[in-house]
Amino acid sequence: MAEFNINSFYCNNCAYSDAYGRGCKINLMMPAMLAMMGFDRCPKKEKKNEAQLREQLEILEKEKEEMK
């Protein structure tokens, strides 16, 4: 069976999620409900602002350095 990461599909660059695209602040089940209802995008999605994107990039860069 194929693996489907709901959070990266719906929430990766949303202002309501953390740096990893997890933990929707609207409702934790929101990504699962969207997938079950067949939505291809979240109707409440807001793009992250510049500060949130910088924080996300810093966290991801730290993880890459730790893996080396």
PDB file of N, CA and C in Angstrom:
ATOM      1  N   MET A   1       0.834  -1.178   0.000  1.00  0.00           N
ATOM      2  CA  MET A   1       0.000   0.000   0.000  1.00  0.00           C
ATOM      3  C   MET A   1       0.883   1.247   0.000  1.00  0.00           C
ATOM      4  N   ALA A   2       0.510   2.245  -0.730  1.00  0.00           N
ATOM      5  CA  ALA A   2       1.306   3.459  -0.861  1.00  0.00           C
ATOM      6  C   ALA A   2       1.174   4.341   0.378  1.00  0.00           C
ATOM      7  N   GLU A   3       2.232   5.078   0.638  1.00  0.00           N
ATOM      8  CA  GLU A   3       2.243   6.002   1.780  1.00  0.00           C
ATOM      9  C   GLU A   3       1.852   7.394   1.305  1.00  0.00           C
ATOM     10  N   PHE A   4       1.014   8.060   2.069  1.00  0.00           N
ATOM     11  CA  PHE A   4       0.565   9.406   1.729  1.00  0.00           C
ATOM     12  C   PHE A   4       0.730  10.298   2.951  1.00  0.00           C
ATOM     13  N   ASN A   5       1.577  11.311   2.864  1.00  0.00           N
ATOM     14  CA  ASN A   5       1.797  12.229   3.974  1.00  0.00           C
ATOM     15  C   ASN A   5       0.805  13.379   3.847  1.00  0.00           C
ATOM     16  N   ILE A   6      -0.243  13.329   4.630  1.00  0.00           N
ATOM     17  CA  ILE A   6      -1.314  14.320   4.552  1.00  0.00           C
ATOM     18  C   ILE A   6      -0.802  15.710   4.870  1.00  0.00           C
ATOM     19  N   ASN A   7       0.002  15.830   5.925  1.00  0.00           N
ATOM     20  CA  ASN A   7       0.446  17.150   6.365  1.00  0.00           C
ATOM     21  C   ASN A   7       1.289  17.872   5.317  1.00  0.00           C
ATOM     22  N   SER A   8       2.169  17.158   4.652  1.00  0.00           N
ATOM     23  CA  SER A   8       2.982  17.832   3.637  1.00  0.00           C
ATOM     24  C   SER A   8       2.142  18.203   2.419  1.00  0.00           C
ATOM     25  N   PHE A   9       1.080  17.461   2.160  1.00  0.00           N
ATOM     26  CA  PHE A   9       0.225  17.752   1.017  1.00  0.00           C
ATOM     27  C   PHE A   9      -0.616  19.005   1.256  1.00  0.00           C
ATOM     28  N   TYR A  10      -1.180  19.148   2.459  1.00  0.00           N
ATOM     29  CA  TYR A  10      -2.085  20.252   2.736  1.00  0.00           C
ATOM     30  C   TYR A  10      -1.449  21.402   3.520  1.00  0.00           C
ATOM     31  N   CYS A  11      -0.525  21.118   4.421  1.00  0.00           N
ATOM     32  CA  CYS A  11      -0.154  22.086   5.462  1.00  0.00           C
ATOM     33  C   CYS A  11       1.288  22.573   5.423  1.00  0.00           C
ATOM     34  N   ASN A  12       2.076  22.189   4.474  1.00  0.00           N
ATOM     35  CA  ASN A  12       3.503  22.483   4.515  1.00  0.00           C
ATOM     36  C   ASN A  12       3.817  23.970   4.616  1.00  0.00           C
ATOM     37  N   ASN A  13       3.175  24.811   3.874  1.00  0.00           N
ATOM     38  CA  ASN A  13       3.472  26.244   3.903  1.00  0.00           C
ATOM     39  C   ASN A  13       2.314  27.066   4.462  1.00  0.00           C
ATOM     40  N   CYS A  14       1.527  26.471   5.338  1.00  0.00           N
ATOM     41  CA  CYS A  14       0.372  27.155   5.917  1.00  0.00           C
ATOM     42  C   CYS A  14       0.766  27.855   7.215  1.00  0.00           C
ATOM     43  N   ALA A  15       0.206  29.015   7.465  1.00  0.00           N
ATOM     44  CA  ALA A  15       0.502  29.792   8.671  1.00  0.00           C
ATOM     45  C   ALA A  15      -0.024  29.106   9.929  1.00  0.00           C
ATOM     46  N   TYR A  16      -0.978  28.201   9.800  1.00  0.00           N
ATOM     47  CA  TYR A  16      -1.559  27.536  10.958  1.00  0.00           C
ATOM     48  C   TYR A  16      -0.771  26.311  11.410  1.00  0.00           C
ATOM     49  N   SER A  17       0.286  25.949  10.705  1.00  0.00           N
ATOM     50  CA  SER A  17       1.064  24.767  11.075  1.00  0.00           C
ATOM     51  C   SER A  17       2.453  25.164  11.564  1.00  0.00           C
ATOM     52  N   ASP A  18       3.174  24.193  12.136  1.00  0.00           N
ATOM     53  CA  ASP A  18       4.530  24.467  12.599  1.00  0.00           C
ATOM     54  C   ASP A  18       5.514  24.370  11.429  1.00  0.00           C
ATOM     55  N   ALA A  19       6.789  24.383  11.724  1.00  0.00           N
ATOM     56  CA  ALA A  19       7.821  24.396  10.685  1.00  0.00           C
ATOM     57  C   ALA A  19       7.816  23.132   9.830  1.00  0.00           C
ATOM     58  N   TYR A  20       7.275  22.048  10.363  1.00  0.00           N
ATOM     59  CA  TYR A  20       7.258  20.787   9.632  1.00  0.00           C
ATOM     60  C   TYR A  20       5.936  20.549   8.906  1.00  0.00           C
ATOM     61  N   GLY A  21       5.008  21.472   9.007  1.00  0.00           N
ATOM     62  CA  GLY A  21       3.709  21.287   8.380  1.00  0.00           C
ATOM     63  C   GLY A  21       2.779  20.431   9.215  1.00  0.00           C
ATOM     64  N   ARG A  22       3.030  20.370  10.528  1.00  0.00           N
ATOM     65  CA  ARG A  22       2.206  19.552  11.421  1.00  0.00           C
ATOM     66  C   ARG A  22       1.435  20.448  12.376  1.00  0.00           C
ATOM     67  N   GLY A  23       0.453  19.888  13.030  1.00  0.00           N
ATOM     68  CA  GLY A  23      -0.252  20.564  14.106  1.00  0.00           C
ATOM     69  C   GLY A  23      -1.107  21.727  13.661  1.00  0.00           C
ATOM     70  N   CYS A  24      -2.118  21.486  12.882  1.00  0.00           N
ATOM     71  CA  CYS A  24      -3.010  22.538  12.421  1.00  0.00           C
ATOM     72  C   CYS A  24      -3.665  23.221  13.618  1.00  0.00           C
ATOM     73  N   LYS A  25      -3.571  24.552  13.687  1.00  0.00           N
ATOM     74  CA  LYS A  25      -4.156  25.294  14.802  1.00  0.00           C
ATOM     75  C   LYS A  25      -5.669  25.446  14.670  1.00  0.00           C
ATOM     76  N   ILE A  26      -6.208  25.216  13.500  1.00  0.00           N
ATOM     77  CA  ILE A  26      -7.660  25.270  13.311  1.00  0.00           C
ATOM     78  C   ILE A  26      -8.286  24.047  13.969  1.00  0.00           C
ATOM     79  N   ASN A  27      -7.793  22.878  13.614  1.00  0.00           N
ATOM     80  CA  ASN A  27      -8.293  21.615  14.141  1.00  0.00           C
ATOM     81  C   ASN A  27      -7.249  20.558  13.789  1.00  0.00           C
ATOM     82  N   LEU A  28      -6.819  19.779  14.752  1.00  0.00           N
ATOM     83  CA  LEU A  28      -5.780  18.789  14.486  1.00  0.00           C
ATOM     84  C   LEU A  28      -6.195  17.749  13.448  1.00  0.00           C
ATOM     85  N   MET A  29      -7.479  17.515  13.315  1.00  0.00           N
ATOM     86  CA  MET A  29      -7.973  16.533  12.353  1.00  0.00           C
ATOM     87  C   MET A  29      -8.266  17.149  10.979  1.00  0.00           C
ATOM     88  N   MET A  30      -8.027  18.432  10.817  1.00  0.00           N
ATOM     89  CA  MET A  30      -8.353  19.124   9.565  1.00  0.00           C
ATOM     90  C   MET A  30      -7.711  18.457   8.345  1.00  0.00           C
ATOM     91  N   PRO A  31      -6.407  18.142   8.349  1.00  0.00           N
ATOM     92  CA  PRO A  31      -5.821  17.493   7.160  1.00  0.00           C
ATOM     93  C   PRO A  31      -6.462  16.147   6.840  1.00  0.00           C
ATOM     94  N   ALA A  32      -6.767  15.359   7.877  1.00  0.00           N
ATOM     95  CA  ALA A  32      -7.394  14.055   7.645  1.00  0.00           C
ATOM     96  C   ALA A  32      -8.808  14.226   7.093  1.00  0.00           C
ATOM     97  N   MET A  33      -9.534  15.202   7.620  1.00  0.00           N
ATOM     98  CA  MET A  33     -10.896  15.432   7.125  1.00  0.00           C
ATOM     99  C   MET A  33     -10.881  15.887   5.670  1.00  0.00           C
ATOM    100  N   LEU A  34      -9.922  16.734   5.312  1.00  0.00           N
ATOM    101  CA  LEU A  34      -9.816  17.196   3.924  1.00  0.00           C
ATOM    102  C   LEU A  34      -9.530  16.034   2.984  1.00  0.00           C
ATOM    103  N   ALA A  35      -8.646  15.124   3.411  1.00  0.00           N
ATOM    104  CA  ALA A  35      -8.318  13.963   2.582  1.00  0.00           C
ATOM    105  C   ALA A  35      -9.522  13.041   2.425  1.00  0.00           C
ATOM    106  N   MET A  36     -10.271  12.830   3.506  1.00  0.00           N
ATOM    107  CA  MET A  36     -11.443  11.945   3.432  1.00  0.00           C
ATOM    108  C   MET A  36     -12.554  12.546   2.571  1.00  0.00           C
ATOM    109  N   MET A  37     -12.662  13.872   2.572  1.00  0.00           N
ATOM    110  CA  MET A  37     -13.704  14.519   1.777  1.00  0.00           C
ATOM    111  C   MET A  37     -13.279  14.747   0.329  1.00  0.00           C
ATOM    112  N   GLY A  38     -12.010  14.478   0.014  1.00  0.00           N
ATOM    113  CA  GLY A  38     -11.547  14.576  -1.364  1.00  0.00           C
ATOM    114  C   GLY A  38     -11.112  15.965  -1.797  1.00  0.00           C
ATOM    115  N   PHE A  39     -10.829  16.847  -0.861  1.00  0.00           N
ATOM    116  CA  PHE A  39     -10.353  18.188  -1.211  1.00  0.00           C
ATOM    117  C   PHE A  39      -8.918  18.116  -1.708  1.00  0.00           C
ATOM    118  N   ASP A  40      -8.582  18.934  -2.702  1.00  0.00           N
ATOM    119  CA  ASP A  40      -7.198  18.970  -3.171  1.00  0.00           C
ATOM    120  C   ASP A  40      -6.417  20.107  -2.516  1.00  0.00           C
ATOM    121  N   ARG A  41      -7.095  21.013  -1.812  1.00  0.00           N
ATOM    122  CA  ARG A  41      -6.418  22.066  -1.045  1.00  0.00           C
ATOM    123  C   ARG A  41      -7.316  22.494   0.104  1.00  0.00           C
ATOM    124  N   CYS A  42      -6.716  23.098   1.102  1.00  0.00           N
ATOM    125  CA  CYS A  42      -7.451  23.533   2.287  1.00  0.00           C
ATOM    126  C   CYS A  42      -8.120  24.881   2.008  1.00  0.00           C
ATOM    127  N   PRO A  43      -9.407  25.015   2.289  1.00  0.00           N
ATOM    128  CA  PRO A  43     -10.082  26.286   2.048  1.00  0.00           C
ATOM    129  C   PRO A  43      -9.658  27.384   3.027  1.00  0.00           C
ATOM    130  N   LYS A  44      -9.057  27.022   4.150  1.00  0.00           N
ATOM    131  CA  LYS A  44      -8.651  28.003   5.154  1.00  0.00           C
ATOM    132  C   LYS A  44      -7.145  28.267   5.151  1.00  0.00           C
ATOM    133  N   LYS A  45      -6.446  27.793   4.147  1.00  0.00           N
ATOM    134  CA  LYS A  45      -4.995  27.932   4.109  1.00  0.00           C
ATOM    135  C   LYS A  45      -4.572  29.383   3.942  1.00  0.00           C
ATOM    136  N   GLU A  46      -3.632  29.797   4.788  1.00  0.00           N
ATOM    137  CA  GLU A  46      -3.012  31.111   4.682  1.00  0.00           C
ATOM    138  C   GLU A  46      -1.516  30.896   4.538  1.00  0.00           C
ATOM    139  N   LYS A  47      -0.917  31.602   3.633  1.00  0.00           N
ATOM    140  CA  LYS A  47       0.528  31.451   3.429  1.00  0.00           C
ATOM    141  C   LYS A  47       1.283  32.003   4.633  1.00  0.00           C
ATOM    142  N   LYS A  48       2.414  31.367   4.933  1.00  0.00           N
ATOM    143  CA  LYS A  48       3.251  31.828   6.040  1.00  0.00           C
ATOM    144  C   LYS A  48       3.849  33.184   5.711  1.00  0.00           C
ATOM    145  N   ASN A  49       4.035  33.985   6.750  1.00  0.00           N
ATOM    146  CA  ASN A  49       4.689  35.272   6.531  1.00  0.00           C
ATOM    147  C   ASN A  49       6.203  35.069   6.493  1.00  0.00           C
ATOM    148  N   GLU A  50       6.926  36.121   6.254  1.00  0.00           N
ATOM    149  CA  GLU A  50       8.373  36.015   6.050  1.00  0.00           C
ATOM    150  C   GLU A  50       9.097  35.485   7.286  1.00  0.00           C
ATOM    151  N   ALA A  51       8.684  35.917   8.471  1.00  0.00           N
ATOM    152  CA  ALA A  51       9.328  35.460   9.702  1.00  0.00           C
ATOM    153  C   ALA A  51       9.116  33.962   9.916  1.00  0.00           C
ATOM    154  N   GLN A  52       7.921  33.472   9.634  1.00  0.00           N
ATOM    155  CA  GLN A  52       7.643  32.045   9.783  1.00  0.00           C
ATOM    156  C   GLN A  52       8.445  31.221   8.785  1.00  0.00           C
ATOM    157  N   LEU A  53       8.585  31.720   7.558  1.00  0.00           N
ATOM    158  CA  LEU A  53       9.366  31.000   6.554  1.00  0.00           C
ATOM    159  C   LEU A  53      10.848  30.956   6.919  1.00  0.00           C
ATOM    160  N   ARG A  54      11.370  32.055   7.471  1.00  0.00           N
ATOM    161  CA  ARG A  54      12.777  32.057   7.908  1.00  0.00           C
ATOM    162  C   ARG A  54      13.004  31.060   9.030  1.00  0.00           C
ATOM    163  N   GLU A  55      12.077  31.016   9.994  1.00  0.00           N
ATOM    164  CA  GLU A  55      12.186  30.063  11.102  1.00  0.00           C
ATOM    165  C   GLU A  55      12.156  28.635  10.578  1.00  0.00           C
ATOM    166  N   GLN A  56      11.267  28.355   9.631  1.00  0.00           N
ATOM    167  CA  GLN A  56      11.168  27.020   9.039  1.00  0.00           C
ATOM    168  C   GLN A  56      12.467  26.664   8.331  1.00  0.00           C
ATOM    169  N   LEU A  57      13.034  27.592   7.589  1.00  0.00           N
ATOM    170  CA  LEU A  57      14.280  27.338   6.870  1.00  0.00           C
ATOM    171  C   LEU A  57      15.433  27.085   7.828  1.00  0.00           C
ATOM    172  N   GLU A  58      15.515  27.846   8.916  1.00  0.00           N
ATOM    173  CA  GLU A  58      16.579  27.647   9.897  1.00  0.00           C
ATOM    174  C   GLU A  58      16.499  26.266  10.534  1.00  0.00           C
ATOM    175  N   ILE A  59      15.301  25.841  10.880  1.00  0.00           N
ATOM    176  CA  ILE A  59      15.135  24.520  11.488  1.00  0.00           C
ATOM    177  C   ILE A  59      15.547  23.416  10.518  1.00  0.00           C
ATOM    178  N   LEU A  60      15.136  23.527   9.276  1.00  0.00           N
ATOM    179  CA  LEU A  60      15.483  22.508   8.288  1.00  0.00           C
ATOM    180  C   LEU A  60      16.984  22.488   7.992  1.00  0.00           C
ATOM    181  N   GLU A  61      17.627  23.666   7.984  1.00  0.00           N
ATOM    182  CA  GLU A  61      19.077  23.719   7.761  1.00  0.00           C
ATOM    183  C   GLU A  61      19.832  23.097   8.920  1.00  0.00           C
ATOM    184  N   LYS A  62      19.374  23.324  10.164  1.00  0.00           N
ATOM    185  CA  LYS A  62      20.011  22.712  11.331  1.00  0.00           C
ATOM    186  C   LYS A  62      19.929  21.191  11.252  1.00  0.00           C
ATOM    187  N   GLU A  63      18.781  20.683  10.820  1.00  0.00           N
ATOM    188  CA  GLU A  63      18.628  19.231  10.703  1.00  0.00           C
ATOM    189  C   GLU A  63      19.570  18.655   9.657  1.00  0.00           C
ATOM    190  N   LYS A  64      19.743  19.365   8.547  1.00  0.00           N
ATOM    191  CA  LYS A  64      20.653  18.887   7.503  1.00  0.00           C
ATOM    192  C   LYS A  64      22.091  18.844   8.021  1.00  0.00           C
ATOM    193  N   GLU A  65      22.474  19.870   8.787  1.00  0.00           N
ATOM    194  CA  GLU A  65      23.839  19.894   9.350  1.00  0.00           C
ATOM    195  C   GLU A  65      24.050  18.769  10.353  1.00  0.00           C
ATOM    196  N   GLU A  66      23.040  18.481  11.154  1.00  0.00           N
ATOM    197  CA  GLU A  66      23.158  17.406  12.144  1.00  0.00           C
ATOM    198  C   GLU A  66      23.263  16.040  11.477  1.00  0.00           C
ATOM    199  N   MET A  67      22.668  15.871  10.312  1.00  0.00           N
ATOM    200  CA  MET A  67      22.705  14.585   9.615  1.00  0.00           C
ATOM    201  C   MET A  67      24.065  14.328   8.980  1.00  0.00           C
ATOM    202  N   LYS A  68      24.860  15.376   8.756  1.00  0.00           N
ATOM    203  CA  LYS A  68      26.165  15.199   8.112  1.00  0.00           C
ATOM    204  C   LYS A  68      27.171  14.591   9.027  1.00  0.00           C
TER     205      LYS A  68
END
